[in-house]
C-alpha atoms as a PDB file:
ATOM      1  CA  GLY A   1      17.893  45.047 -10.308  1.00  0.00           C
ATOM      2  CA  LEU A   2      15.277  43.502 -12.548  1.00  0.00           C
ATOM      3  CA  ASP A   3      12.270  44.272 -10.370  1.00  0.00           C
ATOM      4  CA  LEU A   4       8.996  45.471 -11.931  1.00  0.00           C
ATOM      5  CA  SER A   5       9.654  43.227 -14.942  1.00  0.00           C
ATOM      6  CA  LEU A   6       6.972  41.444 -16.965  1.00  0.00           C
ATOM      7  CA  THR A   7       7.081  38.094 -18.758  1.00  0.00           C
ATOM      8  CA  ARG A   8       4.395  36.434 -20.823  1.00  0.00           C
ATOM      9  CA  GLY A   9       3.332  32.958 -21.834  1.00  0.00           C
ATOM     10  CA  VAL A  10       0.383  30.591 -21.867  1.00  0.00           C
ATOM     11  CA  VAL A  11      -1.328  28.380 -19.319  1.00  0.00           C
ATOM     12  CA  SER A  12       0.070  24.945 -20.113  1.00  0.00           C
ATOM     13  CA  GLY A  13      -2.001  22.921 -17.677  1.00  0.00           C
ATOM     14  CA  LEU A  14      -4.303  22.943 -14.662  1.00  0.00           C
ATOM     15  CA  GLY A  15      -4.587  20.757 -11.586  1.00  0.00           C
ATOM     16  CA  ARG A  16      -0.853  20.060 -11.338  1.00  0.00           C
ATOM     17  CA  GLU A  17       0.898  18.946  -8.149  1.00  0.00           C
ATOM     18  CA  ILE A  18       4.275  20.135  -6.893  1.00  0.00           C
ATOM     19  CA  GLY A  19       6.317  19.095  -3.877  1.00  0.00           C
ATOM     20  CA  SER A  20       7.150  21.220  -0.858  1.00  0.00           C
ATOM     21  CA  ARG A  21       8.924  20.742   2.462  1.00  0.00           C
ATOM     22  CA  ARG A  22       5.675  20.061   4.345  1.00  0.00           C
ATOM     23  CA  SER A  23       3.344  18.470   1.832  1.00  0.00           C
ATOM     24  CA  PRO A  24       2.487  18.429  -1.874  1.00  0.00           C
ATOM     25  CA  ILE A  25       0.780  21.555  -3.197  1.00  0.00           C
ATOM     26  CA  THR A  26      -2.134  20.450  -5.350  1.00  0.00           C
ATOM     27  CA  ASN A  27      -4.325  22.046  -8.012  1.00  0.00           C
ATOM     28  CA  VAL A  28      -1.664  24.508  -9.184  1.00  0.00           C
ATOM     29  CA  ILE A  29      -1.514  26.276 -12.549  1.00  0.00           C
ATOM     30  CA  GLN A  30       1.281  25.384 -14.972  1.00  0.00           C
ATOM     31  CA  THR A  31       2.590  28.156 -17.228  1.00  0.00           C
ATOM     32  CA  ASP A  32       5.508  28.710 -19.578  1.00  0.00           C
ATOM     33  CA  ALA A  33       5.753  32.401 -18.656  1.00  0.00           C
ATOM     34  CA  ALA A  34       9.280  32.834 -17.295  1.00  0.00           C
ATOM     35  CA  ILE A  35       9.440  32.794 -13.485  1.00  0.00           C
ATOM     36  CA  ASN A  36      12.790  33.913 -12.108  1.00  0.00           C
ATOM     37  CA  PRO A  37      14.034  34.943  -8.638  1.00  0.00           C
ATOM     38  CA  GLY A  38      12.923  38.515  -9.357  1.00  0.00           C
ATOM     39  CA  ASN A  39       9.286  37.737 -10.099  1.00  0.00           C
ATOM     40  CA  SER A  40       8.460  34.594  -8.134  1.00  0.00           C
ATOM     41  CA  GLY A  41       5.822  35.483  -5.582  1.00  0.00           C
ATOM     42  CA  GLY A  42       4.357  37.993  -8.005  1.00  0.00           C
ATOM     43  CA  PRO A  43       0.962  37.901  -9.718  1.00  0.00           C
ATOM     44  CA  LEU A  44      -0.025  35.722 -12.659  1.00  0.00           C
ATOM     45  CA  LEU A  45      -2.392  37.801 -14.801  1.00  0.00           C
ATOM     46  CA  ASP A  46      -4.643  36.818 -17.685  1.00  0.00           C
ATOM     47  CA  SER A  47      -4.832  38.750 -20.972  1.00  0.00           C
ATOM     48  CA  ARG A  48      -7.381  41.139 -19.437  1.00  0.00           C
ATOM     49  CA  GLY A  49      -5.180  41.958 -16.461  1.00  0.00           C
ATOM     50  CA  ARG A  50      -7.171  39.896 -13.968  1.00  0.00           C
ATOM     51  CA  LEU A  51      -5.285  38.198 -11.149  1.00  0.00           C
ATOM     52  CA  VAL A  52      -5.541  34.408 -11.530  1.00  0.00           C
ATOM     53  CA  GLY A  53      -2.667  33.138  -9.390  1.00  0.00           C
ATOM     54  CA  ILE A  54       0.539  33.762  -7.462  1.00  0.00           C
ATOM     55  CA  ASN A  55       3.775  32.598  -9.098  1.00  0.00           C
ATOM     56  CA  THR A  56       5.308  30.059  -6.755  1.00  0.00           C
ATOM     57  CA  ALA A  57       7.840  27.628  -8.206  1.00  0.00           C
ATOM     58  CA  ILE A  58       9.626  26.359 -11.299  1.00  0.00           C
ATOM     59  CA  LEU A  59      10.611  22.945 -12.573  1.00  0.00           C
ATOM     60  CA  ASP A  60      14.373  22.830 -12.030  1.00  0.00           C
ATOM     61  CA  PRO A  61      15.748  19.493 -13.281  1.00  0.00           C
ATOM     62  CA  THR A  62      19.369  20.703 -13.208  1.00  0.00           C
ATOM     63  CA  GLY A  63      19.270  22.318  -9.767  1.00  0.00           C
ATOM     64  CA  SER A  64      20.729  25.534 -11.149  1.00  0.00           C
ATOM     65  CA  GLY A  65      17.718  27.696 -10.329  1.00  0.00           C
ATOM     66  CA  ALA A  66      17.345  28.708 -13.985  1.00  0.00           C
ATOM     67  CA  PHE A  67      13.905  28.718 -15.597  1.00  0.00           C
ATOM     68  CA  SER A  68      13.390  25.659 -17.819  1.00  0.00           C
ATOM     69  CA  GLY A  69      10.073  26.614 -19.393  1.00  0.00           C
ATOM     70  CA  VAL A  70       7.784  25.135 -16.739  1.00  0.00           C
ATOM     71  CA  GLY A  71       6.487  27.333 -13.932  1.00  0.00           C
ATOM     72  CA  PHE A  72       3.722  26.948 -11.371  1.00  0.00           C
ATOM     73  CA  ALA A  73       1.296  29.347  -9.709  1.00  0.00           C
ATOM     74  CA  ILE A  74      -1.148  28.844  -6.840  1.00  0.00           C
ATOM     75  CA  PRO A  75      -4.730  29.708  -7.952  1.00  0.00           C
ATOM     76  CA  ILE A  76      -6.006  32.963  -6.519  1.00  0.00           C
ATOM     77  CA  ASP A  77      -9.037  31.264  -4.931  1.00  0.00           C
ATOM     78  CA  ALA A  78      -6.657  29.235  -2.755  1.00  0.00           C
ATOM     79  CA  VAL A  79      -4.667  32.344  -1.844  1.00  0.00           C
ATOM     80  CA  LYS A  80      -7.671  34.404  -0.707  1.00  0.00           C
ATOM     81  CA  GLY A  81      -8.205  32.385   2.468  1.00  0.00           C
ATOM     82  CA  MET A  82      -4.515  32.670   3.353  1.00  0.00           C
ATOM     83  CA  VAL A  83      -4.571  36.451   2.893  1.00  0.00           C
ATOM     84  CA  GLU A  84      -7.556  36.775   5.237  1.00  0.00           C
ATOM     85  CA  GLN A  85      -5.747  34.752   7.904  1.00  0.00           C
ATOM     86  CA  ILE A  86      -2.563  36.798   7.575  1.00  0.00           C
ATOM     87  CA  LEU A  87      -4.514  40.053   7.927  1.00  0.00           C
ATOM     88  CA  THR A  88      -6.378  38.863  11.029  1.00  0.00           C
ATOM     89  CA  SER A  89      -3.779  36.615  12.701  1.00  0.00           C
ATOM     90  CA  GLY A  90      -0.467  37.689  11.237  1.00  0.00           C
ATOM     91  CA  ARG A  91       0.196  34.215   9.818  1.00  0.00           C
ATOM     92  CA  VAL A  92      -1.437  31.298   8.028  1.00  0.00           C
ATOM     93  CA  LEU A  93      -3.198  28.993  10.502  1.00  0.00           C
ATOM     94  CA  ARG A  94      -2.671  25.347   9.575  1.00  0.00           C
ATOM     95  CA  PRO A  95      -5.286  22.948  10.993  1.00  0.00           C
ATOM     96  CA  ALA A  96      -3.936  19.622  12.219  1.00  0.00           C
ATOM     97  CA  LEU A  97      -5.120  16.338  13.706  1.00  0.00           C
ATOM     98  CA  GLY A  98      -1.909  15.820  15.646  1.00  0.00           C
ATOM     99  CA  VAL A  99      -0.842  12.598  13.921  1.00  0.00           C
ATOM    100  CA  THR A 100       2.100  11.291  11.931  1.00  0.00           C
ATOM    101  CA  ILE A 101       1.001   9.104   9.028  1.00  0.00           C
ATOM    102  CA  THR A 102       2.442   6.740   6.437  1.00  0.00           C
ATOM    103  CA  PRO A 103       0.970   4.671   3.579  1.00  0.00           C
ATOM    104  CA  VAL A 104      -0.660   1.402   4.638  1.00  0.00           C
ATOM    105  CA  PRO A 105       2.075  -1.273   4.442  1.00  0.00           C
ATOM    106  CA  ALA A 106       1.693  -3.834   1.679  1.00  0.00           C
ATOM    107  CA  ARG A 107       3.897  -6.533   3.227  1.00  0.00           C
ATOM    108  CA  PRO A 108       2.154  -9.753   4.306  1.00  0.00           C
ATOM    109  CA  ALA A 109       3.791  -9.385   7.736  1.00  0.00           C
ATOM    110  CA  ALA A 110       1.599  -6.319   8.315  1.00  0.00           C
ATOM    111  CA  ARG A 111      -1.699  -8.132   7.887  1.00  0.00           C
ATOM    112  CA  GLY A 112      -2.874  -7.131  11.321  1.00  0.00           C
ATOM    113  CA  GLN A 113      -4.490  -4.128   9.660  1.00  0.00           C
ATOM    114  CA  LEU A 114      -7.790  -4.809   7.901  1.00  0.00           C
ATOM    115  CA  ALA A 115      -7.098  -2.282   5.141  1.00  0.00           C
ATOM    116  CA  SER A 116      -5.264  -2.601   1.845  1.00  0.00           C
ATOM    117  CA  PRO A 117      -2.696  -0.165   0.411  1.00  0.00           C
ATOM    118  CA  GLY A 118      -4.522   2.785  -1.136  1.00  0.00           C
ATOM    119  CA  GLU A 119      -7.489   2.461   1.242  1.00  0.00           C
ATOM    120  CA  GLY A 120      -6.226   4.976   3.760  1.00  0.00           C
ATOM    121  CA  VAL A 121      -3.177   6.122   5.709  1.00  0.00           C
ATOM    122  CA  LEU A 122      -1.709   4.391   8.747  1.00  0.00           C
ATOM    123  CA  VAL A 123      -1.331   6.389  11.963  1.00  0.00           C
ATOM    124  CA  VAL A 124       2.257   5.980  13.158  1.00  0.00           C
ATOM    125  CA  ALA A 125       2.287   8.470  16.044  1.00  0.00           C
ATOM    126  CA  VAL A 126      -0.196  10.659  17.907  1.00  0.00           C
ATOM    127  CA  ARG A 127       0.576  13.946  19.656  1.00  0.00           C
ATOM    128  CA  THR A 128      -0.152  13.518  23.362  1.00  0.00           C
ATOM    129  CA  GLY A 129      -3.076  15.755  24.289  1.00  0.00           C
ATOM    130  CA  GLY A 130      -3.683  16.659  20.641  1.00  0.00           C
ATOM    131  CA  PRO A 131      -7.003  16.397  18.782  1.00  0.00           C
ATOM    132  CA  ALA A 132      -6.486  12.810  17.585  1.00  0.00           C
ATOM    133  CA  ASP A 133      -5.362  11.680  21.039  1.00  0.00           C
ATOM    134  CA  VAL A 134      -8.430  13.241  22.670  1.00  0.00           C
ATOM    135  CA  ALA A 135     -10.667  11.543  20.078  1.00  0.00           C
ATOM    136  CA  GLY A 136      -9.117   8.143  20.802  1.00  0.00           C
ATOM    137  CA  ILE A 137      -7.241   7.570  17.538  1.00  0.00           C
ATOM    138  CA  GLN A 138      -4.597   4.917  18.174  1.00  0.00           C
ATOM    139  CA  PRO A 139      -0.955   5.089  17.033  1.00  0.00           C
ATOM    140  CA  THR A 140       1.304   2.196  16.083  1.00  0.00           C
ATOM    141  CA  LYS A 141       2.931   0.742  19.197  1.00  0.00           C
ATOM    142  CA  ARG A 142       5.721  -1.661  20.070  1.00  0.00           C
ATOM    143  CA  GLU A 143       4.938  -3.904  23.004  1.00  0.00           C
ATOM    144  CA  MET A 144       7.009  -6.348  25.027  1.00  0.00           C
ATOM    145  CA  PHE A 145       9.101  -8.954  23.211  1.00  0.00           C
ATOM    146  CA  GLY A 146       9.160  -6.841  20.031  1.00  0.00           C
ATOM    147  CA  ARG A 147       5.480  -7.209  19.260  1.00  0.00           C
ATOM    148  CA  ILE A 148       4.036  -4.381  17.162  1.00  0.00           C
ATOM    149  CA  VAL A 149       0.392  -3.362  17.102  1.00  0.00           C
ATOM    150  CA  LEU A 150      -0.436  -1.308  14.038  1.00  0.00           C
ATOM    151  CA  GLY A 151      -2.355   1.901  14.638  1.00  0.00           C
ATOM    152  CA  ASP A 152      -5.627   3.093  13.181  1.00  0.00           C
ATOM    153  CA  VAL A 153      -6.039   3.651   9.454  1.00  0.00           C
ATOM    154  CA  ILE A 154      -7.706   6.936   8.506  1.00  0.00           C
ATOM    155  CA  ARG A 155     -10.030   6.223   5.589  1.00  0.00           C
ATOM    156  CA  LYS A 156     -12.126   9.393   5.310  1.00  0.00           C
ATOM    157  CA  ILE A 157     -12.197  12.940   6.669  1.00  0.00           C
ATOM    158  CA  SER A 158     -15.647  14.547   6.557  1.00  0.00           C
ATOM    159  CA  GLY A 159     -16.691  12.124   3.828  1.00  0.00           C
ATOM    160  CA  VAL A 160     -13.613  12.723   1.646  1.00  0.00           C
ATOM    161  CA  ASN A 161     -11.694   9.557   0.747  1.00  0.00           C
ATOM    162  CA  ILE A 162      -8.120   9.523   2.054  1.00  0.00           C
ATOM    163  CA  ARG A 163      -6.030   7.249  -0.163  1.00  0.00           C
ATOM    164  CA  SER A 164      -2.656   8.930   0.265  1.00  0.00           C
ATOM    165  CA  GLN A 165      -0.744  11.493   2.272  1.00  0.00           C
ATOM    166  CA  ALA A 166      -1.547  14.088  -0.411  1.00  0.00           C
ATOM    167  CA  ASP A 167      -5.282  13.441   0.093  1.00  0.00           C
ATOM    168  CA  MET A 168      -4.811  13.959   3.818  1.00  0.00           C
ATOM    169  CA  TYR A 169      -3.049  17.291   3.341  1.00  0.00           C
ATOM    170  CA  ALA A 170      -5.677  18.491   0.853  1.00  0.00           C
ATOM    171  CA  ALA A 171      -8.523  17.556   3.210  1.00  0.00           C
ATOM    172  CA  LEU A 172      -6.948  19.424   6.127  1.00  0.00           C
ATOM    173  CA  ASP A 173      -6.064  22.475   4.031  1.00  0.00           C
ATOM    174  CA  SER A 174      -9.742  22.833   3.093  1.00  0.00           C
ATOM    175  CA  CYS A 175     -10.616  23.207   6.799  1.00  0.00           C
ATOM    176  CA  ARG A 176      -9.963  25.834   9.451  1.00  0.00           C
ATOM    177  CA  VAL A 177      -8.558  25.650  12.954  1.00  0.00           C
ATOM    178  CA  GLY A 178     -11.443  24.869  15.314  1.00  0.00           C
ATOM    179  CA  ASP A 179     -13.499  22.988  12.714  1.00  0.00           C
ATOM    180  CA  ILE A 180     -15.064  19.720  13.849  1.00  0.00           C
ATOM    181  CA  VAL A 181     -14.464  16.918  11.343  1.00  0.00           C
ATOM    182  CA  ASP A 182     -15.650  13.321  11.208  1.00  0.00           C
ATOM    183  CA  VAL A 183     -12.711  10.949  10.814  1.00  0.00           C
ATOM    184  CA  GLU A 184     -13.647   7.490   9.551  1.00  0.00           C
ATOM    185  CA  LEU A 185     -11.264   4.742  10.631  1.00  0.00           C
ATOM    186  CA  ALA A 186     -10.908   1.422   8.836  1.00  0.00           C
ATOM    187  CA  PRO A 187     -11.717  -1.828  10.647  1.00  0.00           C
ATOM    188  CA  ARG A 188      -8.628  -2.977  12.469  1.00  0.00           C
ATOM    189  CA  ASP A 189      -7.327  -6.267  13.794  1.00  0.00           C
ATOM    190  CA  ALA A 190      -6.909  -6.106  17.559  1.00  0.00           C
ATOM    191  CA  ARG A 191      -4.157  -8.726  17.469  1.00  0.00           C
ATOM    192  CA  ASN A 192      -0.482  -8.097  18.026  1.00  0.00           C
ATOM    193  CA  VAL A 193       1.362  -8.205  14.716  1.00  0.00           C
ATOM    194  CA  ARG A 194       4.905  -9.300  13.927  1.00  0.00           C
ATOM    195  CA  LEU A 195       6.778  -7.043  11.530  1.00  0.00           C
ATOM    196  CA  PRO A 196      10.185  -7.820   9.972  1.00  0.00           C
ATOM    197  CA  GLY A 197      12.891  -7.666  12.641  1.00  0.00           C
ATOM    198  CA  ALA A 198      10.448  -8.109  15.522  1.00  0.00           C
ATOM    199  CA  ALA A 199      10.327 -11.086  17.841  1.00  0.00           C
ATOM    200  CA  GLN A 200       7.763 -13.849  17.373  1.00  0.00           C
ATOM    201  CA  PRO A 201       4.399 -12.657  18.741  1.00  0.00           C
ATOM    202  CA  GLY A 202       2.725 -14.508  21.534  1.00  0.00           C
ATOM    203  CA  ARG A 203      -0.918 -15.337  21.993  1.00  0.00           C
ATOM    204  CA  HIS A 204      -3.284 -13.439  19.720  1.00  0.00           C
ATOM    205  CA  GLY A 205      -6.525 -11.787  20.670  1.00  0.00           C
ATOM    206  CA  GLY A 206      -9.740 -11.437  18.701  1.00  0.00           C
ATOM    207  CA  THR A 207     -10.478  -9.493  15.547  1.00  0.00           C
ATOM    208  CA  SER A 208     -12.740  -6.484  15.143  1.00  0.00           C
ATOM    209  CA  THR A 209     -14.380  -6.193  11.715  1.00  0.00           C
ATOM    210  CA  ALA A 210     -16.297  -2.957  12.317  1.00  0.00           C
ATOM    211  CA  GLY A 211     -14.699   0.393  11.675  1.00  0.00           C
ATOM    212  CA  ARG A 212     -15.626   3.505  13.584  1.00  0.00           C
ATOM    213  CA  THR A 213     -16.005   7.248  13.104  1.00  0.00           C
ATOM    214  CA  VAL A 214     -14.698   9.783  15.604  1.00  0.00           C
ATOM    215  CA  ARG A 215     -15.252  13.536  15.793  1.00  0.00           C
ATOM    216  CA  VAL A 216     -12.105  15.629  15.975  1.00  0.00           C
ATOM    217  CA  VAL A 217     -11.684  19.344  16.697  1.00  0.00           C
ATOM    218  CA  LEU A 218      -8.810  20.568  14.516  1.00  0.00           C
ATOM    219  CA  ALA A 219      -6.055  22.440  16.343  1.00  0.00           C
ATOM    220  CA  ASP A 220      -3.446  25.008  15.319  1.00  0.00           C
ATOM    221  CA  ARG A 221      -0.458  23.031  14.068  1.00  0.00           C
ATOM    222  CA  GLU A 222       2.056  25.697  15.078  1.00  0.00           C
ATOM    223  CA  LYS A 223       0.687  26.105  18.606  1.00  0.00           C
ATOM    224  CA  MET A 224       0.874  22.344  19.086  1.00  0.00           C
ATOM    225  CA  GLN A 225       4.531  22.543  17.982  1.00  0.00           C
ATOM    226  CA  TRP A 226       3.808  19.469  15.899  1.00  0.00           C
ATOM    227  CA  ARG A 227       5.664  18.500  12.742  1.00  0.00           C
ATOM    228  CA  GLY A 228       3.077  15.947  11.701  1.00  0.00           C
ATOM    229  CA  ASP A 229      -0.440  16.500  10.356  1.00  0.00           C
END
């Protein structure tokens, strides 16, 4: 085969973001050094032979798998923590809150949430018995007669602003299983909310204007058998 081959190029950019099956991979290195099936997963070296990243993916606009001149590598500083976990645990331990999230809805019908799009992520579901459930984070629920109560909106994790799903993934990836994090939740309307397709809501309750912060112990995502975050 073509193993033990070497290609060369330049670093075309830093801080790029690429998609993956679980979540976006952020802060990656862009290079025009050819990355093909034989050398993906191999080292990205600088001109002095120092390891700076691990070749990971290519931009493939045609879907053919052929290199198009744009490749990506994960920085070595991000890889070091993963290597330590693999050596000690046999796998990468992914910390998780035990929630499924989505962007805050922008439709007027979803005004029961006192947060605007871009100010956090809406909790859609919570893993029963998981860290978020134990901490009291509320999921979105459908009540009788089609009424929907929107869940909590996560605004910050340990002081880091969460404006998107990518922010959420990055914040969790910087932590370890067992870490205790402060999760700041946006103020939420305690009323039942009618979303498109739902029945007309009945009597409304009051409104809470104060957010809250809860402490969450991050769990092992794989052990929870959870596909969320």
